[in-house]
Every structure is written in C-alpha cells, then in structure tokens.
C-alpha cells in the first residue's frame, strides 16, 4: 500500500500490485498511475483522508 496525494493535498491509501524487481527498483503493475503523486516517506502519524504535514509528495 502507498499513500497517494490528491490535488487538495489530502492523502488516499492505495493498494498496489508489484511485479518484477529490477535492481533497487520494483515494477508497479497496478494501483497508481504515472501522473499520481505518492509519499516516498510518510511522516509518523500520517493517516488516510488527512493532510500529512512535513511530507514530500513525489511524482510517480
């Protein structure tokens, strides 16, 4: 599971399906799109349907 961040800055918990590992990277088969922003390192206490202060969303 990953936290995706919507256009309002609210986190949504998404279930993802993983595929093959390529070195340090793992292919994501489903659950997010290229345009989605995900939290690489959610801060402690981050919960779905909230704004996680101090988090840095990255473009997937």
PDB file of N, CA and C in Angstrom:
ATOM      1  N   UNK A   1       0.840  -1.168   0.000  1.00  0.00           N
ATOM      2  CA  UNK A   1       0.000   0.000   0.000  1.00  0.00           C
ATOM      3  C   UNK A   1       0.888   1.235   0.000  1.00  0.00           C
ATOM      4  N   UNK A   2       0.376   2.288  -0.618  1.00  0.00           N
ATOM      5  CA  UNK A   2       1.080   3.569  -0.644  1.00  0.00           C
ATOM      6  C   UNK A   2       0.079   4.688  -0.363  1.00  0.00           C
ATOM      7  N   UNK A   3       0.596   5.808   0.098  1.00  0.00           N
ATOM      8  CA  UNK A   3      -0.216   6.999   0.242  1.00  0.00           C
ATOM      9  C   UNK A   3      -0.095   7.809  -1.041  1.00  0.00           C
ATOM     10  N   UNK A   4      -1.215   8.065  -1.714  1.00  0.00           N
ATOM     11  CA  UNK A   4      -1.266   8.969  -2.855  1.00  0.00           C
ATOM     12  C   UNK A   4      -1.832  10.287  -2.360  1.00  0.00           C
ATOM     13  N   UNK A   5      -1.407  11.382  -2.963  1.00  0.00           N
ATOM     14  CA  UNK A   5      -1.851  12.708  -2.545  1.00  0.00           C
ATOM     15  C   UNK A   5      -2.710  13.304  -3.650  1.00  0.00           C
ATOM     16  N   UNK A   6      -3.949  13.696  -3.311  1.00  0.00           N
ATOM     17  CA  UNK A   6      -4.836  14.258  -4.334  1.00  0.00           C
ATOM     18  C   UNK A   6      -4.523  15.738  -4.564  1.00  0.00           C
ATOM     19  N   UNK A   7      -5.261  16.371  -5.458  1.00  0.00           N
ATOM     20  CA  UNK A   7      -4.996  17.765  -5.829  1.00  0.00           C
ATOM     21  C   UNK A   7      -5.220  18.746  -4.682  1.00  0.00           C
ATOM     22  N   UNK A   8      -5.936  18.325  -3.638  1.00  0.00           N
ATOM     23  CA  UNK A   8      -6.168  19.169  -2.458  1.00  0.00           C
ATOM     24  C   UNK A   8      -5.152  18.913  -1.352  1.00  0.00           C
ATOM     25  N   UNK A   9      -4.189  18.023  -1.608  1.00  0.00           N
ATOM     26  CA  UNK A   9      -3.178  17.709  -0.605  1.00  0.00           C
ATOM     27  C   UNK A   9      -3.617  16.688   0.414  1.00  0.00           C
ATOM     28  N   UNK A  10      -4.740  16.013   0.152  1.00  0.00           N
ATOM     29  CA  UNK A  10      -5.269  15.003   1.077  1.00  0.00           C
ATOM     30  C   UNK A  10      -4.751  13.629   0.664  1.00  0.00           C
ATOM     31  N   UNK A  11      -4.324  12.852   1.648  1.00  0.00           N
ATOM     32  CA  UNK A  11      -3.780  11.521   1.360  1.00  0.00           C
ATOM     33  C   UNK A  11      -4.893  10.499   1.162  1.00  0.00           C
ATOM     34  N   UNK A  12      -4.638   9.588   0.248  1.00  0.00           N
ATOM     35  CA  UNK A  12      -5.537   8.459  -0.018  1.00  0.00           C
ATOM     36  C   UNK A  12      -4.680   7.203  -0.004  1.00  0.00           C
ATOM     37  N   UNK A  13      -5.113   6.211   0.732  1.00  0.00           N
ATOM     38  CA  UNK A  13      -4.375   4.956   0.788  1.00  0.00           C
ATOM     39  C   UNK A  13      -4.727   4.124  -0.436  1.00  0.00           C
ATOM     40  N   UNK A  14      -3.728   3.686  -1.180  1.00  0.00           N
ATOM     41  CA  UNK A  14      -3.947   2.906  -2.394  1.00  0.00           C
ATOM     42  C   UNK A  14      -3.279   1.544  -2.278  1.00  0.00           C
ATOM     43  N   UNK A  15      -3.975   0.517  -2.701  1.00  0.00           N
ATOM     44  CA  UNK A  15      -3.410  -0.825  -2.776  1.00  0.00           C
ATOM     45  C   UNK A  15      -2.732  -0.947  -4.128  1.00  0.00           C
ATOM     46  N   UNK A  16      -1.471  -1.357  -4.133  1.00  0.00           N
ATOM     47  CA  UNK A  16      -0.751  -1.530  -5.384  1.00  0.00           C
ATOM     48  C   UNK A  16      -0.355  -2.992  -5.566  1.00  0.00           C
ATOM     49  N   UNK A  17      -0.174  -3.376  -6.814  1.00  0.00           N
ATOM     50  CA  UNK A  17       0.284  -4.732  -7.131  1.00  0.00           C
ATOM     51  C   UNK A  17       1.685  -4.620  -7.716  1.00  0.00           C
ATOM     52  N   UNK A  18       2.634  -5.345  -7.125  1.00  0.00           N
ATOM     53  CA  UNK A  18       4.026  -5.264  -7.538  1.00  0.00           C
ATOM     54  C   UNK A  18       4.388  -6.390  -8.494  1.00  0.00           C
ATOM     55  N   UNK A  19       5.331  -6.089  -9.374  1.00  0.00           N
ATOM     56  CA  UNK A  19       5.817  -7.074 -10.339  1.00  0.00           C
ATOM     57  C   UNK A  19       7.282  -7.376 -10.080  1.00  0.00           C
ATOM     58  N   UNK A  20       8.044  -7.471 -11.158  1.00  0.00           N
ATOM     59  CA  UNK A  20       9.449  -7.845 -11.079  1.00  0.00           C
ATOM     60  C   UNK A  20      10.311  -6.774 -10.423  1.00  0.00           C
ATOM     61  N   UNK A  21      11.337  -7.246  -9.729  1.00  0.00           N
ATOM     62  CA  UNK A  21      12.310  -6.337  -9.137  1.00  0.00           C
ATOM     63  C   UNK A  21      13.451  -6.181 -10.124  1.00  0.00           C
ATOM     64  N   UNK A  22      13.889  -4.930 -10.319  1.00  0.00           N
ATOM     65  CA  UNK A  22      14.989  -4.617 -11.226  1.00  0.00           C
ATOM     66  C   UNK A  22      16.035  -3.836 -10.442  1.00  0.00           C
ATOM     67  N   UNK A  23      16.990  -4.523  -9.878  1.00  0.00           N
ATOM     68  CA  UNK A  23      17.971  -3.866  -9.016  1.00  0.00           C
ATOM     69  C   UNK A  23      17.297  -3.384  -7.754  1.00  0.00           C
ATOM     70  N   UNK A  24      17.361  -2.064  -7.501  1.00  0.00           N
ATOM     71  CA  UNK A  24      16.723  -1.480  -6.319  1.00  0.00           C
ATOM     72  C   UNK A  24      15.306  -1.019  -6.607  1.00  0.00           C
ATOM     73  N   UNK A  25      14.841  -1.195  -7.829  1.00  0.00           N
ATOM     74  CA  UNK A  25      13.503  -0.759  -8.225  1.00  0.00           C
ATOM     75  C   UNK A  25      12.574  -1.956  -8.364  1.00  0.00           C
ATOM     76  N   UNK A  26      11.288  -1.716  -8.113  1.00  0.00           N
ATOM     77  CA  UNK A  26      10.261  -2.741  -8.269  1.00  0.00           C
ATOM     78  C   UNK A  26       9.185  -2.179  -9.199  1.00  0.00           C
ATOM     79  N   UNK A  27       8.807  -2.950 -10.171  1.00  0.00           N
ATOM     80  CA  UNK A  27       7.778  -2.518 -11.126  1.00  0.00           C
ATOM     81  C   UNK A  27       6.409  -2.562 -10.459  1.00  0.00           C
ATOM     82  N   UNK A  28       5.642  -1.475 -10.596  1.00  0.00           N
ATOM     83  CA  UNK A  28       4.272  -1.404 -10.075  1.00  0.00           C
ATOM     84  C   UNK A  28       3.335  -1.749 -11.222  1.00  0.00           C
ATOM     85  N   UNK A  29       2.550  -2.808 -11.049  1.00  0.00           N
ATOM     86  CA  UNK A  29       1.660  -3.282 -12.108  1.00  0.00           C
ATOM     87  C   UNK A  29       0.306  -2.590 -12.093  1.00  0.00           C
ATOM     88  N   UNK A  30      -0.189  -2.260 -10.908  1.00  0.00           N
ATOM     89  CA  UNK A  30      -1.491  -1.604 -10.823  1.00  0.00           C
ATOM     90  C   UNK A  30      -1.630  -0.877  -9.489  1.00  0.00           C
ATOM     91  N   UNK A  31      -2.604   0.030  -9.445  1.00  0.00           N
ATOM     92  CA  UNK A  31      -2.926   0.739  -8.205  1.00  0.00           C
ATOM     93  C   UNK A  31      -2.613   2.216  -8.247  1.00  0.00           C
ATOM     94  N   UNK A  32      -1.653   2.618  -9.082  1.00  0.00           N
ATOM     95  CA  UNK A  32      -1.337   4.030  -9.259  1.00  0.00           C
ATOM     96  C   UNK A  32      -1.019   4.277 -10.728  1.00  0.00           C
ATOM     97  N   UNK A  33      -1.121   5.554 -11.119  1.00  0.00           N
ATOM     98  CA  UNK A  33      -0.818   5.957 -12.494  1.00  0.00           C
ATOM     99  C   UNK A  33       0.454   6.802 -12.504  1.00  0.00           C
ATOM    100  N   UNK A  34       1.004   7.000 -13.677  1.00  0.00           N
ATOM    101  CA  UNK A  34       2.221   7.814 -13.798  1.00  0.00           C
ATOM    102  C   UNK A  34       2.021   9.222 -13.274  1.00  0.00           C
ATOM    103  N   UNK A  35       0.831   9.766 -13.420  1.00  0.00           N
ATOM    104  CA  UNK A  35       0.570  11.140 -13.002  1.00  0.00           C
ATOM    105  C   UNK A  35       0.310  11.282 -11.500  1.00  0.00           C
ATOM    106  N   UNK A  36       0.159  10.175 -10.779  1.00  0.00           N
ATOM    107  CA  UNK A  36      -0.118  10.229  -9.338  1.00  0.00           C
ATOM    108  C   UNK A  36       1.097  10.721  -8.561  1.00  0.00           C
ATOM    109  N   UNK A  37       0.819  11.412  -7.468  1.00  0.00           N
ATOM    110  CA  UNK A  37       1.866  11.801  -6.522  1.00  0.00           C
ATOM    111  C   UNK A  37       1.740  10.870  -5.326  1.00  0.00           C
ATOM    112  N   UNK A  38       2.855  10.299  -4.903  1.00  0.00           N
ATOM    113  CA  UNK A  38       2.858   9.401  -3.750  1.00  0.00           C
ATOM    114  C   UNK A  38       3.830   9.931  -2.709  1.00  0.00           C
ATOM    115  N   UNK A  39       3.625   9.526  -1.463  1.00  0.00           N
ATOM    116  CA  UNK A  39       4.531   9.920  -0.395  1.00  0.00           C
ATOM    117  C   UNK A  39       5.661   8.897  -0.330  1.00  0.00           C
ATOM    118  N   UNK A  40       6.861   9.355  -0.617  1.00  0.00           N
ATOM    119  CA  UNK A  40       8.023   8.470  -0.578  1.00  0.00           C
ATOM    120  C   UNK A  40       8.320   8.027   0.855  1.00  0.00           C
ATOM    121  N   UNK A  41       8.170   8.953   1.791  1.00  0.00           N
ATOM    122  CA  UNK A  41       8.426   8.668   3.201  1.00  0.00           C
ATOM    123  C   UNK A  41       7.363   9.357   4.054  1.00  0.00           C
ATOM    124  N   UNK A  42       6.205   8.698   4.248  1.00  0.00           N
ATOM    125  CA  UNK A  42       5.155   9.330   5.071  1.00  0.00           C
ATOM    126  C   UNK A  42       5.664   9.600   6.485  1.00  0.00           C
ATOM    127  N   UNK A  43       5.342  10.762   7.035  1.00  0.00           N
ATOM    128  CA  UNK A  43       5.779  11.058   8.401  1.00  0.00           C
ATOM    129  C   UNK A  43       5.018  10.211   9.418  1.00  0.00           C
ATOM    130  N   UNK A  44       5.576  10.038  10.596  1.00  0.00           N
ATOM    131  CA  UNK A  44       4.867   9.293  11.644  1.00  0.00           C
ATOM    132  C   UNK A  44       3.498   9.920  11.898  1.00  0.00           C
ATOM    133  N   UNK A  45       2.495   9.091  12.073  1.00  0.00           N
ATOM    134  CA  UNK A  45       1.150   9.570  12.362  1.00  0.00           C
ATOM    135  C   UNK A  45       0.332   9.921  11.135  1.00  0.00           C
ATOM    136  N   UNK A  46       0.903   9.756   9.943  1.00  0.00           N
ATOM    137  CA  UNK A  46       0.169  10.046   8.711  1.00  0.00           C
ATOM    138  C   UNK A  46      -0.954   9.012   8.551  1.00  0.00           C
ATOM    139  N   UNK A  47      -2.172   9.496   8.343  1.00  0.00           N
ATOM    140  CA  UNK A  47      -3.317   8.599   8.189  1.00  0.00           C
ATOM    141  C   UNK A  47      -4.081   8.975   6.917  1.00  0.00           C
ATOM    142  N   UNK A  48      -4.803   8.008   6.325  1.00  0.00           N
ATOM    143  CA  UNK A  48      -5.590   8.304   5.124  1.00  0.00           C
ATOM    144  C   UNK A  48      -6.630   9.390   5.390  1.00  0.00           C
ATOM    145  N   UNK A  49      -6.988  10.105   4.343  1.00  0.00           N
ATOM    146  CA  UNK A  49      -8.005  11.162   4.381  1.00  0.00           C
ATOM    147  C   UNK A  49      -7.571  12.353   5.227  1.00  0.00           C
ATOM    148  N   UNK A  50      -6.259  12.598   5.327  1.00  0.00           N
ATOM    149  CA  UNK A  50      -5.758  13.751   6.076  1.00  0.00           C
ATOM    150  C   UNK A  50      -4.652  14.420   5.272  1.00  0.00           C
ATOM    151  N   UNK A  51      -4.175  15.540   5.772  1.00  0.00           N
ATOM    152  CA  UNK A  51      -3.012  16.208   5.184  1.00  0.00           C
ATOM    153  C   UNK A  51      -1.820  15.877   6.068  1.00  0.00           C
ATOM    154  N   UNK A  52      -0.841  15.257   5.500  1.00  0.00           N
ATOM    155  CA  UNK A  52       0.334  14.842   6.270  1.00  0.00           C
ATOM    156  C   UNK A  52       1.385  15.938   6.192  1.00  0.00           C
ATOM    157  N   UNK A  53       1.451  16.737   7.226  1.00  0.00           N
ATOM    158  CA  UNK A  53       2.391  17.843   7.261  1.00  0.00           C
ATOM    159  C   UNK A  53       3.816  17.320   7.299  1.00  0.00           C
ATOM    160  N   UNK A  54       4.686  17.993   6.593  1.00  0.00           N
ATOM    161  CA  UNK A  54       6.089  17.587   6.577  1.00  0.00           C
ATOM    162  C   UNK A  54       6.384  16.494   5.575  1.00  0.00           C
ATOM    163  N   UNK A  55       5.382  16.064   4.835  1.00  0.00           N
ATOM    164  CA  UNK A  55       5.612  15.007   3.849  1.00  0.00           C
ATOM    165  C   UNK A  55       5.969  15.635   2.515  1.00  0.00           C
ATOM    166  N   UNK A  56       6.682  14.882   1.704  1.00  0.00           N
ATOM    167  CA  UNK A  56       7.121  15.383   0.418  1.00  0.00           C
ATOM    168  C   UNK A  56       6.604  14.460  -0.675  1.00  0.00           C
ATOM    169  N   UNK A  57       5.470  14.861  -1.337  1.00  0.00           N
ATOM    170  CA  UNK A  57       4.964  14.013  -2.393  1.00  0.00           C
ATOM    171  C   UNK A  57       5.893  14.034  -3.595  1.00  0.00           C
ATOM    172  N   UNK A  58       6.037  12.906  -4.237  1.00  0.00           N
ATOM    173  CA  UNK A  58       6.858  12.812  -5.442  1.00  0.00           C
ATOM    174  C   UNK A  58       5.979  12.344  -6.598  1.00  0.00           C
ATOM    175  N   UNK A  59       6.284  12.834  -7.782  1.00  0.00           N
ATOM    176  CA  UNK A  59       5.547  12.406  -8.971  1.00  0.00           C
ATOM    177  C   UNK A  59       5.955  10.986  -9.280  1.00  0.00           C
ATOM    178  N   UNK A  60       4.976  10.103  -9.471  1.00  0.00           N
ATOM    179  CA  UNK A  60       5.270   8.711  -9.738  1.00  0.00           C
ATOM    180  C   UNK A  60       5.606   8.596 -11.154  1.00  0.00           C
TER     181      UNK A  60
END
